[in-house]
Amino acid sequence: MRAAVYFSPQRVRRGALLCTLAAVVALAGCAGRQVSSTPQRYDLGADTAAAPAVASRAPLALSFAAAPTIGDGGMIWRIGDSASPQTYATVRWAAAPADLVRQRLIDRLSRQGPVVTETLVAGVPQLRVTLARFEQVFAPDGASSRGEISLQALLVQDRTVIAQTRIDEAVAAPTQDAAGGVAALRTATSQAGDALAVWLARQGGGAPRGGTQGAMTPPAARGTR
């Protein structure tokens, strides 16, 4: 007598989505080998989005790092909150995600004031940013996906932490493939840069736009946010 085996609808849908995505990635890999062994590469495109209307600020030193899980060029995707990240077989970023996001942050933050890339500059506040997440996340049913980015930031002056924050941005992908994920992550990264600029402005980083740039408020004048 055979034992009955039961499958929950959620498990069935999740398994079907994994099989579908695996098949798409495998077929893309086969097609890529027939045409060219060179993977298709993407970057974040030109920075053309309007900047938020926040106060100008004094010069800022940017220090940037990425979590080890981000990788050196593979485009990560996963299903929902799965602990099994995947990468597209024939799609890669044109540079390490950390380098792409770092440059986009410099582009966005430079609109409010100078950004220097030296780690330590005398008298200049340091913004320490860590890229914690940068990936395309599919819904369990496979009908939609989002580009998700997470940044952790510390504002440091004279070796004292002035403020800290975490920024999470998620943007719906226009298509459920690598190109759609790239488009979503491009917008999400710009939004994260703008959220960082707004947060910096709240820390007292200078005079209003069009006025004379001022110095950062001393650490003793406010608490960590």
N, C-alpha and C. Protein backbone atom coordinates (compact mmCIF):
# COMPACT_ATOMS: atom_id res chain seq x y z
N MET A 1 0.85 -1.20 0.00
CA MET A 1 0.00 0.00 0.00
C MET A 1 0.88 1.25 0.00
N ARG A 2 0.63 2.13 -0.92
CA ARG A 2 1.46 3.33 -1.04
C ARG A 2 1.03 4.40 -0.04
N ALA A 3 2.03 5.03 0.53
CA ALA A 3 1.73 6.14 1.45
C ALA A 3 1.36 7.38 0.66
N ALA A 4 0.37 8.10 1.13
CA ALA A 4 -0.06 9.33 0.44
C ALA A 4 0.94 10.44 0.69
N VAL A 5 1.23 11.22 -0.33
CA VAL A 5 2.15 12.35 -0.22
C VAL A 5 1.37 13.61 -0.53
N TYR A 6 1.45 14.59 0.36
CA TYR A 6 0.68 15.81 0.20
C TYR A 6 1.62 16.99 -0.05
N PHE A 7 1.23 17.89 -0.96
CA PHE A 7 2.01 19.09 -1.26
C PHE A 7 1.12 20.31 -1.05
N SER A 8 1.65 21.28 -0.32
CA SER A 8 0.88 22.50 -0.12
C SER A 8 0.89 23.32 -1.40
N PRO A 9 -0.18 24.09 -1.71
CA PRO A 9 -0.20 24.94 -2.91
C PRO A 9 0.99 25.89 -2.96
N GLN A 10 1.38 26.41 -1.78
CA GLN A 10 2.49 27.37 -1.77
C GLN A 10 3.78 26.68 -2.20
N ARG A 11 3.99 25.43 -1.71
CA ARG A 11 5.21 24.71 -2.08
C ARG A 11 5.21 24.38 -3.56
N VAL A 12 4.05 24.00 -4.08
CA VAL A 12 3.96 23.69 -5.51
C VAL A 12 4.28 24.91 -6.36
N ARG A 13 3.68 26.07 -5.99
CA ARG A 13 3.95 27.30 -6.76
C ARG A 13 5.41 27.69 -6.69
N ARG A 14 5.99 27.56 -5.50
CA ARG A 14 7.39 27.92 -5.33
C ARG A 14 8.30 27.02 -6.16
N GLY A 15 7.97 25.70 -6.15
CA GLY A 15 8.76 24.77 -6.95
C GLY A 15 8.62 25.04 -8.42
N ALA A 16 7.41 25.36 -8.85
CA ALA A 16 7.18 25.65 -10.27
C ALA A 16 7.94 26.89 -10.71
N LEU A 17 7.96 27.91 -9.85
CA LEU A 17 8.68 29.13 -10.19
C LEU A 17 10.18 28.87 -10.28
N LEU A 18 10.71 28.09 -9.35
CA LEU A 18 12.13 27.77 -9.39
C LEU A 18 12.48 27.04 -10.69
N CYS A 19 11.62 26.08 -11.08
CA CYS A 19 11.86 25.34 -12.32
C CYS A 19 11.80 26.26 -13.53
N THR A 20 10.82 27.18 -13.54
CA THR A 20 10.66 28.09 -14.66
C THR A 20 11.87 29.01 -14.80
N LEU A 21 12.29 29.60 -13.67
CA LEU A 21 13.43 30.51 -13.72
C LEU A 21 14.70 29.76 -14.07
N ALA A 22 14.85 28.55 -13.54
CA ALA A 22 16.03 27.76 -13.86
C ALA A 22 16.07 27.44 -15.35
N ALA A 23 14.89 27.14 -15.91
CA ALA A 23 14.83 26.83 -17.34
C ALA A 23 15.18 28.05 -18.18
N VAL A 24 14.67 29.22 -17.77
CA VAL A 24 14.98 30.45 -18.50
C VAL A 24 16.47 30.73 -18.48
N VAL A 25 17.08 30.60 -17.29
CA VAL A 25 18.51 30.84 -17.16
C VAL A 25 19.30 29.84 -17.99
N ALA A 26 18.89 28.56 -17.96
CA ALA A 26 19.60 27.54 -18.72
C ALA A 26 19.50 27.78 -20.22
N LEU A 27 18.27 28.14 -20.69
CA LEU A 27 18.09 28.41 -22.11
C LEU A 27 18.89 29.63 -22.53
N ALA A 28 18.91 30.64 -21.65
CA ALA A 28 19.70 31.84 -21.96
C ALA A 28 21.17 31.46 -22.09
N GLY A 29 21.63 30.55 -21.22
CA GLY A 29 23.01 30.12 -21.30
C GLY A 29 23.30 29.39 -22.58
N CYS A 30 22.38 28.51 -23.00
CA CYS A 30 22.57 27.78 -24.26
C CYS A 30 22.59 28.73 -25.44
N ALA A 31 21.63 29.65 -25.46
CA ALA A 31 21.56 30.61 -26.57
C ALA A 31 22.82 31.45 -26.62
N GLY A 32 23.31 31.84 -25.41
CA GLY A 32 24.52 32.65 -25.36
C GLY A 32 25.71 31.91 -25.92
N ARG A 33 25.80 30.59 -25.65
CA ARG A 33 26.94 29.83 -26.16
C ARG A 33 26.87 29.67 -27.67
N GLN A 34 25.64 29.65 -28.22
CA GLN A 34 25.52 29.52 -29.67
C GLN A 34 25.93 30.80 -30.38
N VAL A 35 25.62 31.95 -29.76
CA VAL A 35 25.91 33.22 -30.41
C VAL A 35 27.29 33.74 -30.01
N SER A 36 27.55 33.77 -28.70
CA SER A 36 28.80 34.31 -28.22
C SER A 36 29.02 33.82 -26.80
N SER A 37 30.28 33.60 -26.43
CA SER A 37 30.60 33.18 -25.07
C SER A 37 30.71 34.37 -24.13
N THR A 38 30.61 35.58 -24.66
CA THR A 38 30.73 36.78 -23.85
C THR A 38 29.39 37.11 -23.20
N PRO A 39 29.33 37.21 -21.87
CA PRO A 39 28.05 37.53 -21.21
C PRO A 39 27.59 38.95 -21.53
N GLN A 40 26.30 39.15 -21.49
CA GLN A 40 25.75 40.49 -21.68
C GLN A 40 26.01 41.30 -20.42
N ARG A 41 26.46 42.53 -20.58
CA ARG A 41 26.84 43.36 -19.44
C ARG A 41 25.95 44.60 -19.35
N TYR A 42 25.65 44.97 -18.11
CA TYR A 42 24.82 46.15 -17.86
C TYR A 42 25.51 47.06 -16.84
N ASP A 43 25.20 48.35 -16.95
CA ASP A 43 25.58 49.28 -15.88
C ASP A 43 24.33 50.04 -15.46
N LEU A 44 24.51 51.12 -14.69
CA LEU A 44 23.35 51.86 -14.18
C LEU A 44 22.91 52.99 -15.10
N GLY A 45 23.55 53.12 -16.26
CA GLY A 45 23.12 54.15 -17.21
C GLY A 45 23.49 55.55 -16.78
N ALA A 46 23.07 56.51 -17.58
CA ALA A 46 23.37 57.92 -17.30
C ALA A 46 22.53 58.42 -16.12
N ASP A 47 23.12 59.30 -15.33
CA ASP A 47 22.42 59.87 -14.17
C ASP A 47 21.67 61.12 -14.62
N THR A 48 20.41 60.95 -15.02
CA THR A 48 19.64 62.06 -15.57
C THR A 48 18.45 62.47 -14.70
N ALA A 49 18.18 61.74 -13.63
CA ALA A 49 17.03 62.06 -12.77
C ALA A 49 17.26 63.37 -12.02
N ALA A 50 16.19 64.12 -11.80
CA ALA A 50 16.29 65.39 -11.08
C ALA A 50 16.69 65.14 -9.63
N ALA A 51 17.48 66.06 -9.08
CA ALA A 51 17.93 65.94 -7.69
C ALA A 51 16.89 66.54 -6.74
N PRO A 52 16.83 66.04 -5.50
CA PRO A 52 15.89 66.62 -4.53
C PRO A 52 16.31 68.04 -4.16
N ALA A 53 15.35 68.90 -3.89
CA ALA A 53 15.62 70.30 -3.53
C ALA A 53 15.91 70.37 -2.04
N VAL A 54 17.16 70.07 -1.67
CA VAL A 54 17.57 70.14 -0.26
C VAL A 54 18.69 71.15 -0.13
N ALA A 55 19.04 71.45 1.12
CA ALA A 55 20.06 72.47 1.39
C ALA A 55 21.42 72.07 0.83
N SER A 56 22.18 73.09 0.42
CA SER A 56 23.57 72.85 0.05
C SER A 56 24.34 72.49 1.31
N ARG A 57 25.50 71.90 1.13
CA ARG A 57 26.29 71.50 2.30
C ARG A 57 27.77 71.69 2.03
N ALA A 58 28.54 71.57 3.13
CA ALA A 58 29.99 71.66 3.05
C ALA A 58 30.57 70.39 2.43
N PRO A 59 31.86 70.39 2.08
CA PRO A 59 32.48 69.19 1.51
C PRO A 59 32.32 67.98 2.43
N LEU A 60 32.30 66.80 1.80
CA LEU A 60 32.06 65.55 2.49
C LEU A 60 32.99 64.49 1.92
N ALA A 61 33.60 63.68 2.81
CA ALA A 61 34.45 62.58 2.36
C ALA A 61 33.63 61.29 2.37
N LEU A 62 33.65 60.57 1.25
CA LEU A 62 32.87 59.34 1.13
C LEU A 62 33.76 58.11 1.23
N SER A 63 33.41 57.23 2.16
CA SER A 63 34.07 55.94 2.29
C SER A 63 33.02 54.88 1.99
N PHE A 64 33.34 53.94 1.08
CA PHE A 64 32.31 53.01 0.60
C PHE A 64 32.81 51.58 0.64
N ALA A 65 31.92 50.67 1.07
CA ALA A 65 32.24 49.24 1.11
C ALA A 65 30.97 48.46 0.76
N ALA A 66 31.12 47.16 0.49
CA ALA A 66 29.98 46.32 0.17
C ALA A 66 30.07 45.02 0.96
N ALA A 67 28.91 44.45 1.28
CA ALA A 67 28.87 43.17 1.96
C ALA A 67 29.50 42.10 1.07
N PRO A 68 30.17 41.10 1.67
CA PRO A 68 30.82 40.06 0.86
C PRO A 68 29.86 39.31 -0.05
N THR A 69 28.58 39.25 0.31
CA THR A 69 27.61 38.51 -0.50
C THR A 69 27.25 39.21 -1.81
N ILE A 70 27.61 40.48 -1.95
CA ILE A 70 27.25 41.22 -3.16
C ILE A 70 27.97 40.67 -4.38
N GLY A 71 29.21 40.23 -4.23
CA GLY A 71 29.94 39.64 -5.36
C GLY A 71 30.68 40.67 -6.19
N ASP A 72 31.30 40.17 -7.26
CA ASP A 72 32.18 41.02 -8.07
C ASP A 72 31.66 41.28 -9.47
N GLY A 73 30.39 40.99 -9.73
CA GLY A 73 29.87 41.29 -11.07
C GLY A 73 28.64 40.49 -11.44
N GLY A 74 28.35 39.41 -10.76
CA GLY A 74 27.16 38.63 -11.06
C GLY A 74 25.91 39.37 -10.63
N MET A 75 24.84 39.23 -11.41
CA MET A 75 23.57 39.87 -11.07
C MET A 75 22.72 38.90 -10.25
N ILE A 76 22.46 39.26 -9.01
CA ILE A 76 21.79 38.37 -8.07
C ILE A 76 20.27 38.49 -8.18
N TRP A 77 19.59 37.35 -8.14
CA TRP A 77 18.14 37.33 -8.03
C TRP A 77 17.74 36.25 -7.03
N ARG A 78 16.58 36.41 -6.45
CA ARG A 78 16.07 35.40 -5.52
C ARG A 78 14.55 35.45 -5.52
N ILE A 79 13.92 34.47 -4.91
CA ILE A 79 12.47 34.40 -4.81
C ILE A 79 12.06 34.79 -3.40
N GLY A 80 11.33 35.88 -3.27
CA GLY A 80 10.83 36.32 -1.97
C GLY A 80 11.93 36.42 -0.94
N ASP A 81 11.67 35.83 0.24
CA ASP A 81 12.65 35.89 1.32
C ASP A 81 13.54 34.64 1.36
N SER A 82 13.66 33.96 0.23
CA SER A 82 14.48 32.76 0.16
C SER A 82 15.92 33.05 0.57
N ALA A 83 16.53 32.05 1.21
CA ALA A 83 17.93 32.17 1.60
C ALA A 83 18.85 31.55 0.54
N SER A 84 18.33 31.42 -0.68
CA SER A 84 19.11 30.83 -1.77
C SER A 84 19.24 31.81 -2.93
N PRO A 85 20.19 32.75 -2.86
CA PRO A 85 20.38 33.69 -3.97
C PRO A 85 20.94 32.98 -5.20
N GLN A 86 20.55 33.47 -6.37
CA GLN A 86 21.01 32.92 -7.64
C GLN A 86 21.63 34.05 -8.46
N THR A 87 22.37 33.70 -9.50
CA THR A 87 22.88 34.70 -10.44
C THR A 87 22.51 34.26 -11.86
N TYR A 88 22.25 35.24 -12.72
CA TYR A 88 21.94 34.94 -14.12
C TYR A 88 23.16 34.33 -14.80
N ALA A 89 22.90 33.35 -15.68
CA ALA A 89 23.99 32.60 -16.31
C ALA A 89 24.80 33.43 -17.29
N THR A 90 24.15 34.25 -18.11
CA THR A 90 24.86 34.98 -19.16
C THR A 90 24.69 36.49 -19.04
N VAL A 91 24.43 36.95 -17.82
CA VAL A 91 24.29 38.39 -17.58
C VAL A 91 25.19 38.78 -16.43
N ARG A 92 25.94 39.85 -16.60
CA ARG A 92 26.82 40.36 -15.55
C ARG A 92 26.77 41.88 -15.54
N TRP A 93 27.12 42.46 -14.40
CA TRP A 93 27.30 43.89 -14.33
C TRP A 93 28.61 44.26 -15.01
N ALA A 94 28.66 45.46 -15.57
CA ALA A 94 29.86 45.91 -16.28
C ALA A 94 31.04 46.12 -15.34
N ALA A 95 30.77 46.31 -14.07
CA ALA A 95 31.79 46.44 -13.03
C ALA A 95 31.20 45.86 -11.76
N ALA A 96 31.99 45.76 -10.73
CA ALA A 96 31.47 45.28 -9.46
C ALA A 96 30.32 46.18 -9.00
N PRO A 97 29.21 45.61 -8.49
CA PRO A 97 28.09 46.43 -8.03
C PRO A 97 28.53 47.53 -7.06
N ALA A 98 29.50 47.23 -6.20
CA ALA A 98 29.98 48.24 -5.26
C ALA A 98 30.51 49.47 -5.99
N ASP A 99 31.25 49.24 -7.09
CA ASP A 99 31.80 50.37 -7.85
C ASP A 99 30.69 51.16 -8.55
N LEU A 100 29.71 50.45 -9.10
CA LEU A 100 28.61 51.13 -9.79
C LEU A 100 27.79 51.98 -8.83
N VAL A 101 27.45 51.41 -7.68
CA VAL A 101 26.63 52.15 -6.71
C VAL A 101 27.42 53.30 -6.11
N ARG A 102 28.68 53.07 -5.82
CA ARG A 102 29.53 54.15 -5.28
C ARG A 102 29.57 55.34 -6.22
N GLN A 103 29.76 55.09 -7.51
CA GLN A 103 29.82 56.19 -8.47
C GLN A 103 28.49 56.91 -8.57
N ARG A 104 27.38 56.15 -8.52
CA ARG A 104 26.08 56.78 -8.60
C ARG A 104 25.82 57.66 -7.36
N LEU A 105 26.26 57.21 -6.19
CA LEU A 105 26.12 58.03 -4.99
C LEU A 105 26.93 59.32 -5.09
N ILE A 106 28.13 59.19 -5.63
CA ILE A 106 28.95 60.40 -5.83
C ILE A 106 28.24 61.37 -6.77
N ASP A 107 27.68 60.84 -7.85
CA ASP A 107 26.96 61.68 -8.81
C ASP A 107 25.79 62.39 -8.14
N ARG A 108 25.02 61.66 -7.33
CA ARG A 108 23.83 62.24 -6.71
C ARG A 108 24.21 63.23 -5.61
N LEU A 109 25.14 62.84 -4.73
CA LEU A 109 25.49 63.69 -3.59
C LEU A 109 26.26 64.94 -4.02
N SER A 110 26.95 64.87 -5.14
CA SER A 110 27.72 66.03 -5.62
C SER A 110 26.82 67.19 -6.02
N ARG A 111 25.54 66.94 -6.19
CA ARG A 111 24.61 68.01 -6.55
C ARG A 111 24.31 68.92 -5.37
N GLN A 112 24.57 68.45 -4.16
CA GLN A 112 24.34 69.29 -2.98
C GLN A 112 25.64 69.89 -2.43
N GLY A 113 26.77 69.35 -2.82
CA GLY A 113 28.05 69.86 -2.33
C GLY A 113 29.18 68.94 -2.74
N PRO A 114 30.44 69.38 -2.58
CA PRO A 114 31.58 68.57 -3.01
C PRO A 114 31.67 67.24 -2.27
N VAL A 115 32.07 66.20 -3.02
CA VAL A 115 32.31 64.88 -2.43
C VAL A 115 33.75 64.49 -2.76
N VAL A 116 34.56 64.26 -1.73
CA VAL A 116 35.93 63.82 -1.93
C VAL A 116 36.01 62.34 -1.60
N THR A 117 36.92 61.63 -2.25
CA THR A 117 36.97 60.19 -2.09
C THR A 117 38.13 59.72 -1.21
N GLU A 118 38.95 60.64 -0.72
CA GLU A 118 39.99 60.25 0.22
C GLU A 118 39.34 59.80 1.53
N THR A 119 39.90 58.78 2.14
CA THR A 119 39.29 58.21 3.35
C THR A 119 39.27 59.21 4.49
N LEU A 120 40.37 59.91 4.71
CA LEU A 120 40.45 60.87 5.81
C LEU A 120 40.94 62.21 5.28
N VAL A 121 40.16 63.24 5.52
CA VAL A 121 40.53 64.60 5.16
C VAL A 121 40.32 65.47 6.39
N ALA A 122 41.36 66.17 6.81
CA ALA A 122 41.31 66.95 8.04
C ALA A 122 40.15 67.94 8.02
N GLY A 123 39.31 67.90 9.05
CA GLY A 123 38.22 68.86 9.20
C GLY A 123 37.01 68.58 8.35
N VAL A 124 37.03 67.53 7.53
CA VAL A 124 35.90 67.23 6.65
C VAL A 124 35.13 66.02 7.20
N PRO A 125 33.82 66.14 7.39
CA PRO A 125 33.03 64.99 7.86
C PRO A 125 33.14 63.82 6.90
N GLN A 126 33.09 62.62 7.43
CA GLN A 126 33.21 61.41 6.62
C GLN A 126 31.88 60.66 6.63
N LEU A 127 31.41 60.30 5.43
CA LEU A 127 30.22 59.48 5.28
C LEU A 127 30.66 58.06 4.94
N ARG A 128 30.41 57.14 5.84
CA ARG A 128 30.80 55.74 5.63
C ARG A 128 29.55 54.95 5.23
N VAL A 129 29.55 54.45 4.01
CA VAL A 129 28.39 53.75 3.46
C VAL A 129 28.75 52.30 3.17
N THR A 130 27.86 51.39 3.55
CA THR A 130 28.01 49.97 3.23
C THR A 130 26.81 49.53 2.39
N LEU A 131 27.09 48.94 1.25
CA LEU A 131 26.04 48.38 0.39
C LEU A 131 25.70 46.99 0.94
N ALA A 132 24.52 46.85 1.54
CA ALA A 132 24.14 45.61 2.19
C ALA A 132 23.32 44.68 1.29
N ARG A 133 22.61 45.26 0.31
CA ARG A 133 21.77 44.44 -0.57
C ARG A 133 21.64 45.12 -1.92
N PHE A 134 21.69 44.31 -2.99
CA PHE A 134 21.59 44.84 -4.35
C PHE A 134 21.18 43.69 -5.25
N GLU A 135 19.87 43.49 -5.44
CA GLU A 135 19.40 42.30 -6.13
C GLU A 135 17.98 42.46 -6.65
N GLN A 136 17.61 41.53 -7.53
CA GLN A 136 16.24 41.46 -8.06
C GLN A 136 15.50 40.37 -7.28
N VAL A 137 14.34 40.74 -6.73
CA VAL A 137 13.57 39.81 -5.89
C VAL A 137 12.23 39.53 -6.56
N PHE A 138 11.98 38.26 -6.86
CA PHE A 138 10.74 37.85 -7.50
C PHE A 138 9.68 37.50 -6.46
N ALA A 139 8.42 37.80 -6.78
CA ALA A 139 7.31 37.37 -5.95
C ALA A 139 7.22 35.84 -6.02
N PRO A 140 6.69 35.19 -4.97
CA PRO A 140 6.59 33.73 -4.96
C PRO A 140 5.86 33.15 -6.16
N ASP A 141 4.91 33.89 -6.73
CA ASP A 141 4.18 33.36 -7.89
C ASP A 141 4.85 33.71 -9.22
N GLY A 142 5.95 34.46 -9.19
CA GLY A 142 6.68 34.79 -10.41
C GLY A 142 6.05 35.86 -11.28
N ALA A 143 4.94 36.44 -10.82
CA ALA A 143 4.22 37.41 -11.65
C ALA A 143 4.85 38.80 -11.61
N SER A 144 5.71 39.06 -10.66
CA SER A 144 6.31 40.39 -10.53
C SER A 144 7.67 40.25 -9.85
N SER A 145 8.45 41.32 -9.93
CA SER A 145 9.74 41.36 -9.24
C SER A 145 10.08 42.81 -8.95
N ARG A 146 11.06 42.98 -8.06
CA ARG A 146 11.49 44.33 -7.67
C ARG A 146 13.01 44.38 -7.61
N GLY A 147 13.55 45.56 -7.89
CA GLY A 147 14.96 45.81 -7.65
C GLY A 147 15.10 46.38 -6.25
N GLU A 148 15.89 45.74 -5.40
CA GLU A 148 16.00 46.15 -4.01
C GLU A 148 17.44 46.50 -3.66
N ILE A 149 17.61 47.63 -2.98
CA ILE A 149 18.93 48.07 -2.53
C ILE A 149 18.82 48.51 -1.07
N SER A 150 19.84 48.17 -0.29
CA SER A 150 19.91 48.59 1.11
C SER A 150 21.28 49.20 1.38
N LEU A 151 21.27 50.36 2.01
CA LEU A 151 22.51 51.05 2.39
C LEU A 151 22.52 51.28 3.89
N GLN A 152 23.67 51.09 4.50
CA GLN A 152 23.87 51.45 5.90
C GLN A 152 24.88 52.59 5.91
N ALA A 153 24.57 53.68 6.61
CA ALA A 153 25.41 54.87 6.57
C ALA A 153 25.74 55.38 7.97
N LEU A 154 26.98 55.80 8.12
CA LEU A 154 27.45 56.45 9.35
C LEU A 154 28.03 57.80 8.97
N LEU A 155 27.70 58.83 9.71
CA LEU A 155 28.31 60.15 9.53
C LEU A 155 29.28 60.37 10.68
N VAL A 156 30.55 60.53 10.34
CA VAL A 156 31.61 60.59 11.35
C VAL A 156 32.38 61.90 11.21
N GLN A 157 32.69 62.51 12.36
CA GLN A 157 33.52 63.72 12.37
C GLN A 157 34.44 63.65 13.58
N ASP A 158 35.73 63.86 13.30
CA ASP A 158 36.73 63.79 14.37
C ASP A 158 36.63 62.49 15.15
N ARG A 159 36.45 61.38 14.41
CA ARG A 159 36.38 60.03 14.97
C ARG A 159 35.17 59.81 15.88
N THR A 160 34.20 60.68 15.79
CA THR A 160 32.98 60.54 16.57
C THR A 160 31.80 60.33 15.63
N VAL A 161 30.99 59.32 15.92
CA VAL A 161 29.80 59.07 15.11
C VAL A 161 28.75 60.12 15.43
N ILE A 162 28.38 60.91 14.42
CA ILE A 162 27.38 61.96 14.60
C ILE A 162 25.98 61.40 14.43
N ALA A 163 25.79 60.56 13.41
CA ALA A 163 24.47 60.02 13.11
C ALA A 163 24.62 58.74 12.30
N GLN A 164 23.57 57.94 12.27
CA GLN A 164 23.57 56.72 11.48
C GLN A 164 22.18 56.46 10.94
N THR A 165 22.10 55.74 9.83
CA THR A 165 20.81 55.44 9.24
C THR A 165 20.91 54.21 8.36
N ARG A 166 19.76 53.64 8.02
CA ARG A 166 19.67 52.56 7.03
C ARG A 166 18.64 53.00 6.00
N ILE A 167 18.99 52.84 4.74
CA ILE A 167 18.11 53.23 3.64
C ILE A 167 17.77 52.00 2.81
N ASP A 168 16.49 51.73 2.67
CA ASP A 168 16.00 50.61 1.87
C ASP A 168 15.09 51.15 0.77
N GLU A 169 15.41 50.82 -0.46
CA GLU A 169 14.59 51.23 -1.59
C GLU A 169 14.23 50.01 -2.43
N ALA A 170 12.98 49.97 -2.90
CA ALA A 170 12.52 48.88 -3.77
C ALA A 170 11.68 49.47 -4.89
N VAL A 171 11.98 49.09 -6.12
CA VAL A 171 11.28 49.60 -7.30
C VAL A 171 10.81 48.42 -8.15
N ALA A 172 9.55 48.46 -8.58
CA ALA A 172 8.99 47.38 -9.40
C ALA A 172 9.72 47.29 -10.73
N ALA A 173 10.03 46.06 -11.15
CA ALA A 173 10.68 45.83 -12.45
C ALA A 173 9.64 45.86 -13.56
N PRO A 174 9.92 46.50 -14.69
CA PRO A 174 8.96 46.56 -15.80
C PRO A 174 8.78 45.22 -16.51
N THR A 175 9.80 44.36 -16.46
CA THR A 175 9.72 43.03 -17.07
C THR A 175 10.37 42.03 -16.11
N GLN A 176 9.94 40.77 -16.21
CA GLN A 176 10.43 39.76 -15.27
C GLN A 176 11.64 39.00 -15.84
N ASP A 177 12.70 39.77 -16.07
CA ASP A 177 13.94 39.20 -16.58
C ASP A 177 15.09 40.08 -16.12
N ALA A 178 16.30 39.79 -16.58
CA ALA A 178 17.46 40.55 -16.15
C ALA A 178 17.37 42.02 -16.52
N ALA A 179 16.90 42.31 -17.74
CA ALA A 179 16.78 43.70 -18.18
C ALA A 179 15.81 44.48 -17.28
N GLY A 180 14.71 43.83 -16.89
CA GLY A 180 13.78 44.49 -15.99
C GLY A 180 14.39 44.72 -14.63
N GLY A 181 15.18 43.77 -14.15
CA GLY A 181 15.86 43.94 -12.87
C GLY A 181 16.85 45.09 -12.90
N VAL A 182 17.58 45.21 -14.02
CA VAL A 182 18.55 46.31 -14.16
C VAL A 182 17.83 47.65 -14.11
N ALA A 183 16.72 47.78 -14.84
CA ALA A 183 15.97 49.04 -14.86
C ALA A 183 15.48 49.39 -13.46
N ALA A 184 14.99 48.40 -12.73
CA ALA A 184 14.49 48.65 -11.38
C ALA A 184 15.62 49.04 -10.43
N LEU A 185 16.76 48.36 -10.52
CA LEU A 185 17.89 48.67 -9.64
C LEU A 185 18.50 50.02 -9.98
N ARG A 186 18.46 50.41 -11.24
CA ARG A 186 18.95 51.73 -11.64
C ARG A 186 18.15 52.83 -10.93
N THR A 187 16.82 52.71 -10.97
CA THR A 187 15.98 53.71 -10.31
C THR A 187 16.12 53.64 -8.80
N ALA A 188 16.15 52.43 -8.25
CA ALA A 188 16.26 52.27 -6.80
C ALA A 188 17.56 52.87 -6.28
N THR A 189 18.65 52.73 -7.03
CA THR A 189 19.93 53.28 -6.59
C THR A 189 19.90 54.80 -6.56
N SER A 190 19.32 55.42 -7.58
CA SER A 190 19.20 56.87 -7.58
C SER A 190 18.32 57.34 -6.42
N GLN A 191 17.23 56.62 -6.15
CA GLN A 191 16.36 56.99 -5.03
C GLN A 191 17.10 56.86 -3.70
N ALA A 192 17.92 55.82 -3.57
CA ALA A 192 18.70 55.66 -2.35
C ALA A 192 19.68 56.81 -2.17
N GLY A 193 20.32 57.24 -3.27
CA GLY A 193 21.22 58.38 -3.20
C GLY A 193 20.50 59.65 -2.78
N ASP A 194 19.29 59.85 -3.30
CA ASP A 194 18.51 61.03 -2.93
C ASP A 194 18.06 60.97 -1.46
N ALA A 195 17.68 59.78 -1.01
CA ALA A 195 17.30 59.62 0.40
C ALA A 195 18.49 59.92 1.31
N LEU A 196 19.67 59.53 0.86
CA LEU A 196 20.89 59.82 1.63
C LEU A 196 21.15 61.32 1.67
N ALA A 197 20.93 62.01 0.55
CA ALA A 197 21.12 63.46 0.50
C ALA A 197 20.16 64.17 1.44
N VAL A 198 18.90 63.73 1.47
CA VAL A 198 17.91 64.33 2.36
C VAL A 198 18.29 64.09 3.81
N TRP A 199 18.76 62.88 4.11
CA TRP A 199 19.18 62.56 5.48
C TRP A 199 20.35 63.43 5.91
N LEU A 200 21.32 63.61 5.02
CA LEU A 200 22.47 64.47 5.33
C LEU A 200 22.03 65.90 5.60
N ALA A 201 21.08 66.39 4.83
CA ALA A 201 20.58 67.76 5.03
C ALA A 201 19.95 67.91 6.40
N ARG A 202 19.33 66.86 6.90
CA ARG A 202 18.70 66.92 8.22
C ARG A 202 19.73 66.97 9.35
N GLN A 203 20.97 66.60 9.02
CA GLN A 203 22.00 66.63 10.05
C GLN A 203 22.61 68.02 10.21
N GLY A 204 22.11 69.01 9.45
CA GLY A 204 22.61 70.38 9.58
C GLY A 204 23.80 70.65 8.70
N GLY A 205 23.79 70.13 7.49
CA GLY A 205 24.97 70.21 6.63
C GLY A 205 25.06 71.41 5.73
N GLY A 206 24.74 72.64 6.17
CA GLY A 206 25.02 73.80 5.34
C GLY A 206 23.86 74.75 5.18
N ALA A 207 24.10 75.81 4.41
CA ALA A 207 23.10 76.84 4.17
C ALA A 207 22.14 76.39 3.08
N PRO A 208 20.97 77.07 2.93
CA PRO A 208 20.02 76.69 1.89
C PRO A 208 20.64 76.80 0.50
N ARG A 209 20.03 76.07 -0.45
CA ARG A 209 20.50 76.09 -1.83
C ARG A 209 20.57 77.53 -2.34
N GLY A 210 21.72 77.86 -2.94
CA GLY A 210 21.91 79.20 -3.48
C GLY A 210 22.62 80.11 -2.51
N GLY A 211 22.75 79.69 -1.22
CA GLY A 211 23.44 80.50 -0.24
C GLY A 211 24.87 80.04 -0.07
N THR A 212 25.54 80.56 0.97
CA THR A 212 26.92 80.20 1.25
C THR A 212 26.95 78.90 2.02
N GLN A 213 27.82 77.98 1.62
CA GLN A 213 27.91 76.70 2.29
C GLN A 213 28.51 76.89 3.68
N GLY A 214 27.94 76.18 4.65
CA GLY A 214 28.43 76.27 6.01
C GLY A 214 29.08 74.98 6.44
N ALA A 215 29.55 74.95 7.68
CA ALA A 215 30.20 73.78 8.23
C ALA A 215 29.18 72.89 8.89
N MET A 216 29.54 71.63 9.11
CA MET A 216 28.66 70.72 9.79
C MET A 216 28.47 71.16 11.23
N THR A 217 27.27 70.96 11.77
CA THR A 217 27.02 71.28 13.16
C THR A 217 27.88 70.42 14.05
N PRO A 218 28.53 70.96 15.11
CA PRO A 218 29.38 70.17 15.98
C PRO A 218 28.61 68.99 16.56
N PRO A 219 29.30 67.86 16.82
CA PRO A 219 28.62 66.68 17.34
C PRO A 219 27.89 66.92 18.64
N ALA A 220 28.40 67.80 19.51
CA ALA A 220 27.79 68.03 20.81
C ALA A 220 26.42 68.70 20.68
N ALA A 221 26.12 69.26 19.50
CA ALA A 221 24.89 70.04 19.35
C ALA A 221 23.66 69.16 19.08
N ARG A 222 23.88 67.87 18.79
CA ARG A 222 22.74 67.02 18.51
C ARG A 222 23.11 65.56 18.79
N GLY A 223 22.11 64.72 18.89
CA GLY A 223 22.33 63.31 19.15
C GLY A 223 22.32 62.50 17.88
N THR A 224 22.62 61.23 18.02
CA THR A 224 22.60 60.32 16.87
C THR A 224 21.19 60.02 16.45
N ARG A 225 20.97 60.04 15.14
CA ARG A 225 19.63 59.72 14.60
C ARG A 225 19.69 58.42 13.85
